[in-house]
């Protein structure tokens, strides 16, 4: 039997396989989406659904789980508004100065 890593969404509190969630990390009082799972620091996990993001923001779960004061969530909200498809992820990854996942 193969072990499948499980994580808990900070929005809806449901446990899912890690592949079904996106990792968030704190970066200088903002929240960044860590699509590749390589950014350093404490992480929190969230479904790729806007309703889970809204719940997490309303309950201040990002600040609590990342253990830092989060003052700017505009980049995170923009990521969810544009959609978490591969094209949007690739563009966000390029802006962050990283290679897209799977790139050589």
PDB file of N, CA and C in Angstrom:
ATOM      1  N   UNK A   1       0.842  -1.187   0.000  1.00  0.00           N
ATOM      2  CA  UNK A   1       0.000   0.000   0.000  1.00  0.00           C
ATOM      3  C   UNK A   1       0.885   1.248   0.000  1.00  0.00           C
ATOM      4  N   UNK A   2       0.605   2.180  -0.891  1.00  0.00           N
ATOM      5  CA  UNK A   2       1.386   3.392  -1.031  1.00  0.00           C
ATOM      6  C   UNK A   2       0.834   4.488  -0.138  1.00  0.00           C
ATOM      7  N   UNK A   3       1.745   5.199   0.517  1.00  0.00           N
ATOM      8  CA  UNK A   3       1.339   6.314   1.377  1.00  0.00           C
ATOM      9  C   UNK A   3       1.086   7.554   0.518  1.00  0.00           C
ATOM     10  N   UNK A   4      -0.055   8.178   0.702  1.00  0.00           N
ATOM     11  CA  UNK A   4      -0.393   9.414  -0.009  1.00  0.00           C
ATOM     12  C   UNK A   4      -0.446  10.528   1.029  1.00  0.00           C
ATOM     13  N   UNK A   5       0.461  11.528   0.915  1.00  0.00           N
ATOM     14  CA  UNK A   5       0.477  12.619   1.899  1.00  0.00           C
ATOM     15  C   UNK A   5      -0.858  13.352   1.937  1.00  0.00           C
ATOM     16  N   UNK A   6      -1.369  13.598   3.133  1.00  0.00           N
ATOM     17  CA  UNK A   6      -2.634  14.302   3.330  1.00  0.00           C
ATOM     18  C   UNK A   6      -2.352  15.671   3.945  1.00  0.00           C
ATOM     19  N   UNK A   7      -3.125  16.667   3.574  1.00  0.00           N
ATOM     20  CA  UNK A   7      -3.026  18.008   4.142  1.00  0.00           C
ATOM     21  C   UNK A   7      -4.446  18.495   4.438  1.00  0.00           C
ATOM     22  N   UNK A   8      -4.555  19.487   5.308  1.00  0.00           N
ATOM     23  CA  UNK A   8      -5.848  20.052   5.677  1.00  0.00           C
ATOM     24  C   UNK A   8      -5.982  21.449   5.094  1.00  0.00           C
ATOM     25  N   UNK A   9      -7.070  21.701   4.408  1.00  0.00           N
ATOM     26  CA  UNK A   9      -7.360  23.024   3.850  1.00  0.00           C
ATOM     27  C   UNK A   9      -7.654  23.985   5.006  1.00  0.00           C
ATOM     28  N   UNK A  10      -7.013  25.149   5.013  1.00  0.00           N
ATOM     29  CA  UNK A  10      -7.249  26.110   6.099  1.00  0.00           C
ATOM     30  C   UNK A  10      -8.566  26.851   5.934  1.00  0.00           C
ATOM     31  N   UNK A  11      -9.214  26.693   4.780  1.00  0.00           N
ATOM     32  CA  UNK A  11     -10.506  27.331   4.554  1.00  0.00           C
ATOM     33  C   UNK A  11     -11.666  26.485   5.040  1.00  0.00           C
ATOM     34  N   UNK A  12     -11.761  25.264   4.527  1.00  0.00           N
ATOM     35  CA  UNK A  12     -12.909  24.404   4.847  1.00  0.00           C
ATOM     36  C   UNK A  12     -12.567  23.317   5.866  1.00  0.00           C
ATOM     37  N   UNK A  13     -11.288  23.152   6.194  1.00  0.00           N
ATOM     38  CA  UNK A  13     -10.800  22.182   7.183  1.00  0.00           C
ATOM     39  C   UNK A  13     -10.972  20.729   6.741  1.00  0.00           C
ATOM     40  N   UNK A  14     -11.115  20.472   5.444  1.00  0.00           N
ATOM     41  CA  UNK A  14     -11.208  19.104   4.945  1.00  0.00           C
ATOM     42  C   UNK A  14      -9.818  18.575   4.609  1.00  0.00           C
ATOM     43  N   UNK A  15      -9.593  17.299   4.916  1.00  0.00           N
ATOM     44  CA  UNK A  15      -8.322  16.650   4.590  1.00  0.00           C
ATOM     45  C   UNK A  15      -8.404  16.087   3.175  1.00  0.00           C
ATOM     46  N   UNK A  16      -7.364  16.349   2.412  1.00  0.00           N
ATOM     47  CA  UNK A  16      -7.284  15.898   1.021  1.00  0.00           C
ATOM     48  C   UNK A  16      -5.843  15.478   0.724  1.00  0.00           C
ATOM     49  N   UNK A  17      -5.640  14.735  -0.368  1.00  0.00           N
ATOM     50  CA  UNK A  17      -4.262  14.481  -0.802  1.00  0.00           C
ATOM     51  C   UNK A  17      -3.576  15.809  -1.126  1.00  0.00           C
ATOM     52  N   UNK A  18      -2.287  15.865  -0.870  1.00  0.00           N
ATOM     53  CA  UNK A  18      -1.524  17.099  -1.076  1.00  0.00           C
ATOM     54  C   UNK A  18      -1.673  17.634  -2.500  1.00  0.00           C
ATOM     55  N   UNK A  19      -1.834  16.749  -3.466  1.00  0.00           N
ATOM     56  CA  UNK A  19      -1.950  17.157  -4.868  1.00  0.00           C
ATOM     57  C   UNK A  19      -3.239  17.929  -5.155  1.00  0.00           C
ATOM     58  N   UNK A  20      -4.236  17.833  -4.290  1.00  0.00           N
ATOM     59  CA  UNK A  20      -5.515  18.521  -4.498  1.00  0.00           C
ATOM     60  C   UNK A  20      -5.516  19.933  -3.917  1.00  0.00           C
ATOM     61  N   UNK A  21      -4.440  20.294  -3.219  1.00  0.00           N
ATOM     62  CA  UNK A  21      -4.376  21.600  -2.560  1.00  0.00           C
ATOM     63  C   UNK A  21      -3.201  22.394  -3.095  1.00  0.00           C
ATOM     64  N   UNK A  22      -3.203  23.682  -2.815  1.00  0.00           N
ATOM     65  CA  UNK A  22      -2.094  24.546  -3.188  1.00  0.00           C
ATOM     66  C   UNK A  22      -1.455  25.057  -1.895  1.00  0.00           C
ATOM     67  N   UNK A  23      -0.134  25.180  -1.899  1.00  0.00           N
ATOM     68  CA  UNK A  23       0.595  25.627  -0.712  1.00  0.00           C
ATOM     69  C   UNK A  23       0.735  27.136  -0.721  1.00  0.00           C
ATOM     70  N   UNK A  24       0.536  27.740   0.432  1.00  0.00           N
ATOM     71  CA  UNK A  24       0.708  29.177   0.614  1.00  0.00           C
ATOM     72  C   UNK A  24       1.888  29.405   1.556  1.00  0.00           C
ATOM     73  N   UNK A  25       2.658  30.447   1.315  1.00  0.00           N
ATOM     74  CA  UNK A  25       3.750  30.815   2.202  1.00  0.00           C
ATOM     75  C   UNK A  25       3.712  32.315   2.446  1.00  0.00           C
ATOM     76  N   UNK A  26       4.207  32.735   3.598  1.00  0.00           N
ATOM     77  CA  UNK A  26       4.279  34.156   3.928  1.00  0.00           C
ATOM     78  C   UNK A  26       5.579  34.725   3.387  1.00  0.00           C
ATOM     79  N   UNK A  27       5.487  35.896   2.771  1.00  0.00           N
ATOM     80  CA  UNK A  27       6.657  36.609   2.275  1.00  0.00           C
ATOM     81  C   UNK A  27       6.486  38.086   2.568  1.00  0.00           C
ATOM     82  N   UNK A  28       7.129  38.573   3.613  1.00  0.00           N
ATOM     83  CA  UNK A  28       7.106  39.985   3.988  1.00  0.00           C
ATOM     84  C   UNK A  28       5.688  40.537   4.084  1.00  0.00           C
ATOM     85  N   UNK A  29       4.884  39.969   4.941  1.00  0.00           N
ATOM     86  CA  UNK A  29       3.517  40.389   5.248  1.00  0.00           C
ATOM     87  C   UNK A  29       2.543  40.223   4.081  1.00  0.00           C
ATOM     88  N   UNK A  30       2.922  39.440   3.077  1.00  0.00           N
ATOM     89  CA  UNK A  30       2.004  39.073   2.006  1.00  0.00           C
ATOM     90  C   UNK A  30       1.957  37.552   1.937  1.00  0.00           C
ATOM     91  N   UNK A  31       1.003  37.042   1.198  1.00  0.00           N
ATOM     92  CA  UNK A  31       0.885  35.598   1.016  1.00  0.00           C
ATOM     93  C   UNK A  31       1.187  35.286  -0.438  1.00  0.00           C
ATOM     94  N   UNK A  32       2.069  34.319  -0.653  1.00  0.00           N
ATOM     95  CA  UNK A  32       2.416  33.890  -2.007  1.00  0.00           C
ATOM     96  C   UNK A  32       1.927  32.471  -2.230  1.00  0.00           C
ATOM     97  N   UNK A  33       1.513  32.181  -3.447  1.00  0.00           N
ATOM     98  CA  UNK A  33       1.128  30.826  -3.822  1.00  0.00           C
ATOM     99  C   UNK A  33       2.400  30.092  -4.223  1.00  0.00           C
ATOM    100  N   UNK A  34       2.663  28.997  -3.578  1.00  0.00           N
ATOM    101  CA  UNK A  34       3.847  28.185  -3.853  1.00  0.00           C
ATOM    102  C   UNK A  34       3.413  26.972  -4.679  1.00  0.00           C
ATOM    103  N   UNK A  35       3.174  27.196  -5.958  1.00  0.00           N
ATOM    104  CA  UNK A  35       2.644  26.143  -6.834  1.00  0.00           C
ATOM    105  C   UNK A  35       3.611  24.973  -6.980  1.00  0.00           C
ATOM    106  N   UNK A  36       4.907  25.240  -6.938  1.00  0.00           N
ATOM    107  CA  UNK A  36       5.907  24.182  -7.080  1.00  0.00           C
ATOM    108  C   UNK A  36       6.251  23.511  -5.758  1.00  0.00           C
ATOM    109  N   UNK A  37       5.873  24.134  -4.652  1.00  0.00           N
ATOM    110  CA  UNK A  37       6.176  23.575  -3.341  1.00  0.00           C
ATOM    111  C   UNK A  37       7.635  23.669  -2.970  1.00  0.00           C
ATOM    112  N   UNK A  38       8.330  24.715  -3.443  1.00  0.00           N
ATOM    113  CA  UNK A  38       9.763  24.830  -3.197  1.00  0.00           C
ATOM    114  C   UNK A  38      10.160  26.071  -2.397  1.00  0.00           C
ATOM    115  N   UNK A  39       9.236  26.975  -2.154  1.00  0.00           N
ATOM    116  CA  UNK A  39       9.587  28.192  -1.427  1.00  0.00           C
ATOM    117  C   UNK A  39       9.886  27.871   0.034  1.00  0.00           C
ATOM    118  N   UNK A  40      10.866  28.551   0.614  1.00  0.00           N
ATOM    119  CA  UNK A  40      11.194  28.287   2.009  1.00  0.00           C
ATOM    120  C   UNK A  40      10.157  28.905   2.946  1.00  0.00           C
ATOM    121  N   UNK A  41      10.103  28.385   4.136  1.00  0.00           N
ATOM    122  CA  UNK A  41       9.234  28.959   5.156  1.00  0.00           C
ATOM    123  C   UNK A  41       8.043  28.083   5.472  1.00  0.00           C
ATOM    124  N   UNK A  42       7.334  28.539   6.463  1.00  0.00           N
ATOM    125  CA  UNK A  42       6.157  27.819   6.937  1.00  0.00           C
ATOM    126  C   UNK A  42       5.057  27.882   5.880  1.00  0.00           C
ATOM    127  N   UNK A  43       4.387  26.794   5.669  1.00  0.00           N
ATOM    128  CA  UNK A  43       3.344  26.741   4.654  1.00  0.00           C
ATOM    129  C   UNK A  43       1.976  26.438   5.234  1.00  0.00           C
ATOM    130  N   UNK A  44       0.973  26.791   4.491  1.00  0.00           N
ATOM    131  CA  UNK A  44      -0.419  26.462   4.802  1.00  0.00           C
ATOM    132  C   UNK A  44      -1.030  25.966   3.498  1.00  0.00           C
ATOM    133  N   UNK A  45      -2.040  25.134   3.599  1.00  0.00           N
ATOM    134  CA  UNK A  45      -2.623  24.493   2.422  1.00  0.00           C
ATOM    135  C   UNK A  45      -4.057  24.934   2.218  1.00  0.00           C
ATOM    136  N   UNK A  46      -4.437  25.086   0.951  1.00  0.00           N
ATOM    137  CA  UNK A  46      -5.751  25.606   0.611  1.00  0.00           C
ATOM    138  C   UNK A  46      -6.230  24.952  -0.683  1.00  0.00           C
ATOM    139  N   UNK A  47      -7.536  24.645  -0.746  1.00  0.00           N
ATOM    140  CA  UNK A  47      -8.105  24.158  -2.006  1.00  0.00           C
ATOM    141  C   UNK A  47      -7.986  25.258  -3.057  1.00  0.00           C
ATOM    142  N   UNK A  48      -8.025  24.880  -4.293  1.00  0.00           N
ATOM    143  CA  UNK A  48      -7.964  25.842  -5.403  1.00  0.00           C
ATOM    144  C   UNK A  48      -9.344  26.403  -5.711  1.00  0.00           C
ATOM    145  N   UNK A  49     -10.134  26.638  -4.687  1.00  0.00           N
ATOM    146  CA  UNK A  49     -11.498  27.160  -4.848  1.00  0.00           C
ATOM    147  C   UNK A  49     -11.613  28.513  -4.137  1.00  0.00           C
ATOM    148  N   UNK A  50     -12.324  29.420  -4.775  1.00  0.00           N
ATOM    149  CA  UNK A  50     -12.479  30.767  -4.219  1.00  0.00           C
ATOM    150  C   UNK A  50     -13.223  30.735  -2.884  1.00  0.00           C
ATOM    151  N   UNK A  51     -14.202  29.834  -2.708  1.00  0.00           N
ATOM    152  CA  UNK A  51     -14.947  29.803  -1.447  1.00  0.00           C
ATOM    153  C   UNK A  51     -14.040  29.420  -0.273  1.00  0.00           C
ATOM    154  N   UNK A  52     -13.066  28.547  -0.496  1.00  0.00           N
ATOM    155  CA  UNK A  52     -12.119  28.211   0.574  1.00  0.00           C
ATOM    156  C   UNK A  52     -11.223  29.405   0.899  1.00  0.00           C
ATOM    157  N   UNK A  53     -10.811  30.145  -0.124  1.00  0.00           N
ATOM    158  CA  UNK A  53     -10.021  31.356   0.115  1.00  0.00           C
ATOM    159  C   UNK A  53     -10.827  32.361   0.917  1.00  0.00           C
ATOM    160  N   UNK A  54     -12.082  32.584   0.550  1.00  0.00           N
ATOM    161  CA  UNK A  54     -12.928  33.538   1.273  1.00  0.00           C
ATOM    162  C   UNK A  54     -13.079  33.147   2.739  1.00  0.00           C
ATOM    163  N   UNK A  55     -13.275  31.856   3.008  1.00  0.00           N
ATOM    164  CA  UNK A  55     -13.384  31.393   4.395  1.00  0.00           C
ATOM    165  C   UNK A  55     -12.083  31.628   5.159  1.00  0.00           C
ATOM    166  N   UNK A  56     -10.955  31.338   4.513  1.00  0.00           N
ATOM    167  CA  UNK A  56      -9.656  31.506   5.161  1.00  0.00           C
ATOM    168  C   UNK A  56      -9.389  32.977   5.483  1.00  0.00           C
ATOM    169  N   UNK A  57      -9.763  33.865   4.568  1.00  0.00           N
ATOM    170  CA  UNK A  57      -9.555  35.294   4.801  1.00  0.00           C
ATOM    171  C   UNK A  57     -10.490  35.825   5.884  1.00  0.00           C
ATOM    172  N   UNK A  58     -11.746  35.386   5.875  1.00  0.00           N
ATOM    173  CA  UNK A  58     -12.721  35.856   6.863  1.00  0.00           C
ATOM    174  C   UNK A  58     -12.350  35.414   8.278  1.00  0.00           C
ATOM    175  N   UNK A  59     -11.784  34.229   8.397  1.00  0.00           N
ATOM    176  CA  UNK A  59     -11.434  33.725   9.730  1.00  0.00           C
ATOM    177  C   UNK A  59      -9.994  34.043  10.123  1.00  0.00           C
ATOM    178  N   UNK A  60      -9.281  34.769   9.282  1.00  0.00           N
ATOM    179  CA  UNK A  60      -7.876  35.122   9.501  1.00  0.00           C
ATOM    180  C   UNK A  60      -6.991  33.885   9.632  1.00  0.00           C
ATOM    181  N   UNK A  61      -7.372  32.830   8.948  1.00  0.00           N
ATOM    182  CA  UNK A  61      -6.635  31.571   9.024  1.00  0.00           C
ATOM    183  C   UNK A  61      -5.235  31.686   8.435  1.00  0.00           C
ATOM    184  N   UNK A  62      -5.050  32.519   7.417  1.00  0.00           N
ATOM    185  CA  UNK A  62      -3.712  32.668   6.819  1.00  0.00           C
ATOM    186  C   UNK A  62      -2.717  33.173   7.862  1.00  0.00           C
ATOM    187  N   UNK A  63      -3.065  34.234   8.549  1.00  0.00           N
ATOM    188  CA  UNK A  63      -2.177  34.781   9.575  1.00  0.00           C
ATOM    189  C   UNK A  63      -1.924  33.775  10.684  1.00  0.00           C
ATOM    190  N   UNK A  64      -2.962  33.096  11.096  1.00  0.00           N
ATOM    191  CA  UNK A  64      -2.845  32.142  12.196  1.00  0.00           C
ATOM    192  C   UNK A  64      -1.959  30.957  11.815  1.00  0.00           C
ATOM    193  N   UNK A  65      -2.180  30.376  10.659  1.00  0.00           N
ATOM    194  CA  UNK A  65      -1.438  29.189  10.268  1.00  0.00           C
ATOM    195  C   UNK A  65      -0.020  29.504   9.805  1.00  0.00           C
ATOM    196  N   UNK A  66       0.183  30.675   9.223  1.00  0.00           N
ATOM    197  CA  UNK A  66       1.522  31.065   8.798  1.00  0.00           C
ATOM    198  C   UNK A  66       2.306  31.740   9.924  1.00  0.00           C
ATOM    199  N   UNK A  67       1.630  31.985  11.028  1.00  0.00           N
ATOM    200  CA  UNK A  67       2.230  32.572  12.235  1.00  0.00           C
ATOM    201  C   UNK A  67       2.927  33.899  11.982  1.00  0.00           C
ATOM    202  N   UNK A  68       2.259  34.751  11.216  1.00  0.00           N
ATOM    203  CA  UNK A  68       2.761  36.094  10.963  1.00  0.00           C
ATOM    204  C   UNK A  68       1.583  36.991  10.583  1.00  0.00           C
ATOM    205  N   UNK A  69       1.738  38.276  10.763  1.00  0.00           N
ATOM    206  CA  UNK A  69       0.677  39.218  10.398  1.00  0.00           C
ATOM    207  C   UNK A  69       0.659  39.386   8.879  1.00  0.00           C
ATOM    208  N   UNK A  70      -0.464  39.067   8.275  1.00  0.00           N
ATOM    209  CA  UNK A  70      -0.622  39.207   6.830  1.00  0.00           C
ATOM    210  C   UNK A  70      -1.433  40.474   6.576  1.00  0.00           C
ATOM    211  N   UNK A  71      -0.830  41.431   5.875  1.00  0.00           N
ATOM    212  CA  UNK A  71      -1.513  42.691   5.616  1.00  0.00           C
ATOM    213  C   UNK A  71      -1.945  42.843   4.163  1.00  0.00           C
ATOM    214  N   UNK A  72      -1.349  42.058   3.272  1.00  0.00           N
ATOM    215  CA  UNK A  72      -1.672  42.190   1.851  1.00  0.00           C
ATOM    216  C   UNK A  72      -1.986  40.819   1.263  1.00  0.00           C
ATOM    217  N   UNK A  73      -3.211  40.645   0.820  1.00  0.00           N
ATOM    218  CA  UNK A  73      -3.612  39.387   0.190  1.00  0.00           C
ATOM    219  C   UNK A  73      -4.005  39.601  -1.269  1.00  0.00           C
ATOM    220  N   UNK A  74      -3.671  40.754  -1.827  1.00  0.00           N
ATOM    221  CA  UNK A  74      -4.104  41.073  -3.192  1.00  0.00           C
ATOM    222  C   UNK A  74      -3.534  40.106  -4.223  1.00  0.00           C
ATOM    223  N   UNK A  75      -2.266  39.716  -4.099  1.00  0.00           N
ATOM    224  CA  UNK A  75      -1.670  38.776  -5.041  1.00  0.00           C
ATOM    225  C   UNK A  75      -2.329  37.412  -4.978  1.00  0.00           C
ATOM    226  N   UNK A  76      -2.650  36.992  -3.779  1.00  0.00           N
ATOM    227  CA  UNK A  76      -3.325  35.712  -3.584  1.00  0.00           C
ATOM    228  C   UNK A  76      -4.724  35.741  -4.192  1.00  0.00           C
ATOM    229  N   UNK A  77      -5.452  36.817  -3.931  1.00  0.00           N
ATOM    230  CA  UNK A  77      -6.803  36.943  -4.484  1.00  0.00           C
ATOM    231  C   UNK A  77      -6.765  37.014  -6.009  1.00  0.00           C
ATOM    232  N   UNK A  78      -5.766  37.702  -6.551  1.00  0.00           N
ATOM    233  CA  UNK A  78      -5.630  37.794  -8.008  1.00  0.00           C
ATOM    234  C   UNK A  78      -5.367  36.415  -8.606  1.00  0.00           C
ATOM    235  N   UNK A  79      -4.536  35.628  -7.952  1.00  0.00           N
ATOM    236  CA  UNK A  79      -4.239  34.273  -8.420  1.00  0.00           C
ATOM    237  C   UNK A  79      -5.506  33.432  -8.484  1.00  0.00           C
ATOM    238  N   UNK A  80      -6.347  33.549  -7.464  1.00  0.00           N
ATOM    239  CA  UNK A  80      -7.594  32.786  -7.444  1.00  0.00           C
ATOM    240  C   UNK A  80      -8.604  33.343  -8.443  1.00  0.00           C
ATOM    241  N   UNK A  81      -8.639  34.673  -8.623  1.00  0.00           N
ATOM    242  CA  UNK A  81      -9.576  35.275  -9.579  1.00  0.00           C
ATOM    243  C   UNK A  81      -9.236  34.891 -11.017  1.00  0.00           C
ATOM    244  N   UNK A  82      -7.948  34.836 -11.344  1.00  0.00           N
ATOM    245  CA  UNK A  82      -7.528  34.492 -12.697  1.00  0.00           C
ATOM    246  C   UNK A  82      -7.663  33.011 -12.963  1.00  0.00           C
ATOM    247  N   UNK A  83      -7.745  32.235 -11.928  1.00  0.00           N
ATOM    248  CA  UNK A  83      -7.860  30.789 -12.079  1.00  0.00           C
ATOM    249  C   UNK A  83      -6.530  30.128 -11.832  1.00  0.00           C
ATOM    250  N   UNK A  84      -6.584  28.920 -11.354  1.00  0.00           N
ATOM    251  CA  UNK A  84      -5.350  28.216 -11.018  1.00  0.00           C
ATOM    252  C   UNK A  84      -4.964  27.224 -12.108  1.00  0.00           C
ATOM    253  N   UNK A  85      -5.244  27.597 -13.364  1.00  0.00           N
ATOM    254  CA  UNK A  85      -4.893  26.718 -14.476  1.00  0.00           C
ATOM    255  C   UNK A  85      -3.398  26.799 -14.760  1.00  0.00           C
ATOM    256  N   UNK A  86      -2.920  25.907 -15.586  1.00  0.00           N
ATOM    257  CA  UNK A  86      -1.500  25.855 -15.898  1.00  0.00           C
ATOM    258  C   UNK A  86      -0.963  27.133 -16.505  1.00  0.00           C
ATOM    259  N   UNK A  87      -1.725  27.787 -17.395  1.00  0.00           N
ATOM    260  CA  UNK A  87      -1.243  28.999 -18.051  1.00  0.00           C
ATOM    261  C   UNK A  87      -1.039  30.114 -17.036  1.00  0.00           C
ATOM    262  N   UNK A  88      -1.961  30.263 -16.120  1.00  0.00           N
ATOM    263  CA  UNK A  88      -1.842  31.307 -15.109  1.00  0.00           C
ATOM    264  C   UNK A  88      -0.693  30.984 -14.166  1.00  0.00           C
ATOM    265  N   UNK A  89      -0.551  29.720 -13.802  1.00  0.00           N
ATOM    266  CA  UNK A  89       0.550  29.315 -12.935  1.00  0.00           C
ATOM    267  C   UNK A  89       1.890  29.587 -13.606  1.00  0.00           C
ATOM    268  N   UNK A  90       1.976  29.292 -14.882  1.00  0.00           N
ATOM    269  CA  UNK A  90       3.215  29.508 -15.604  1.00  0.00           C
ATOM    270  C   UNK A  90       3.574  30.991 -15.637  1.00  0.00           C
ATOM    271  N   UNK A  91       2.599  31.852 -15.866  1.00  0.00           N
ATOM    272  CA  UNK A  91       2.839  33.292 -15.910  1.00  0.00           C
ATOM    273  C   UNK A  91       3.275  33.808 -14.537  1.00  0.00           C
ATOM    274  N   UNK A  92       2.609  33.369 -13.487  1.00  0.00           N
ATOM    275  CA  UNK A  92       2.971  33.791 -12.132  1.00  0.00           C
ATOM    276  C   UNK A  92       4.363  33.294 -11.769  1.00  0.00           C
ATOM    277  N   UNK A  93       4.709  32.106 -12.214  1.00  0.00           N
ATOM    278  CA  UNK A  93       6.020  31.544 -11.937  1.00  0.00           C
ATOM    279  C   UNK A  93       7.100  32.350 -12.644  1.00  0.00           C
ATOM    280  N   UNK A  94       6.834  32.762 -13.875  1.00  0.00           N
ATOM    281  CA  UNK A  94       7.803  33.568 -14.619  1.00  0.00           C
ATOM    282  C   UNK A  94       8.025  34.909 -13.928  1.00  0.00           C
ATOM    283  N   UNK A  95       6.945  35.526 -13.435  1.00  0.00           N
ATOM    284  CA  UNK A  95       7.063  36.804 -12.741  1.00  0.00           C
ATOM    285  C   UNK A  95       7.894  36.660 -11.475  1.00  0.00           C
ATOM    286  N   UNK A  96       7.797  35.511 -10.822  1.00  0.00           N
ATOM    287  CA  UNK A  96       8.556  35.277  -9.609  1.00  0.00           C
ATOM    288  C   UNK A  96      10.017  34.917  -9.887  1.00  0.00           C
ATOM    289  N   UNK A  97      10.353  34.735 -11.177  1.00  0.00           N
ATOM    290  CA  UNK A  97      11.727  34.444 -11.539  1.00  0.00           C
ATOM    291  C   UNK A  97      12.125  32.988 -11.386  1.00  0.00           C
ATOM    292  N   UNK A  98      11.149  32.083 -11.408  1.00  0.00           N
ATOM    293  CA  UNK A  98      11.426  30.657 -11.284  1.00  0.00           C
ATOM    294  C   UNK A  98      11.039  29.962 -12.575  1.00  0.00           C
ATOM    295  N   UNK A  99      11.614  28.789 -12.775  1.00  0.00           N
ATOM    296  CA  UNK A  99      11.229  27.981 -13.928  1.00  0.00           C
ATOM    297  C   UNK A  99       9.909  27.275 -13.609  1.00  0.00           C
ATOM    298  N   UNK A 100       9.043  27.127 -14.607  1.00  0.00           N
ATOM    299  CA  UNK A 100       7.800  26.361 -14.384  1.00  0.00           C
ATOM    300  C   UNK A 100       8.122  24.915 -14.049  1.00  0.00           C
ATOM    301  N   UNK A 101       7.222  24.289 -13.335  1.00  0.00           N
ATOM    302  CA  UNK A 101       7.403  22.908 -12.944  1.00  0.00           C
ATOM    303  C   UNK A 101       7.564  22.037 -14.173  1.00  0.00           C
ATOM    304  N   UNK A 102       8.539  21.153 -14.178  1.00  0.00           N
ATOM    305  CA  UNK A 102       8.767  20.276 -15.301  1.00  0.00           C
ATOM    306  C   UNK A 102       9.707  20.847 -16.340  1.00  0.00           C
ATOM    307  N   UNK A 103      10.100  22.123 -16.218  1.00  0.00           N
ATOM    308  CA  UNK A 103      11.010  22.736 -17.176  1.00  0.00           C
ATOM    309  C   UNK A 103      12.435  22.295 -16.881  1.00  0.00           C
ATOM    310  N   UNK A 104      13.219  22.132 -17.901  1.00  0.00           N
ATOM    311  CA  UNK A 104      14.607  21.697 -17.745  1.00  0.00           C
ATOM    312  C   UNK A 104      15.528  22.874 -17.597  1.00  0.00           C
TER     313      UNK A 104
END
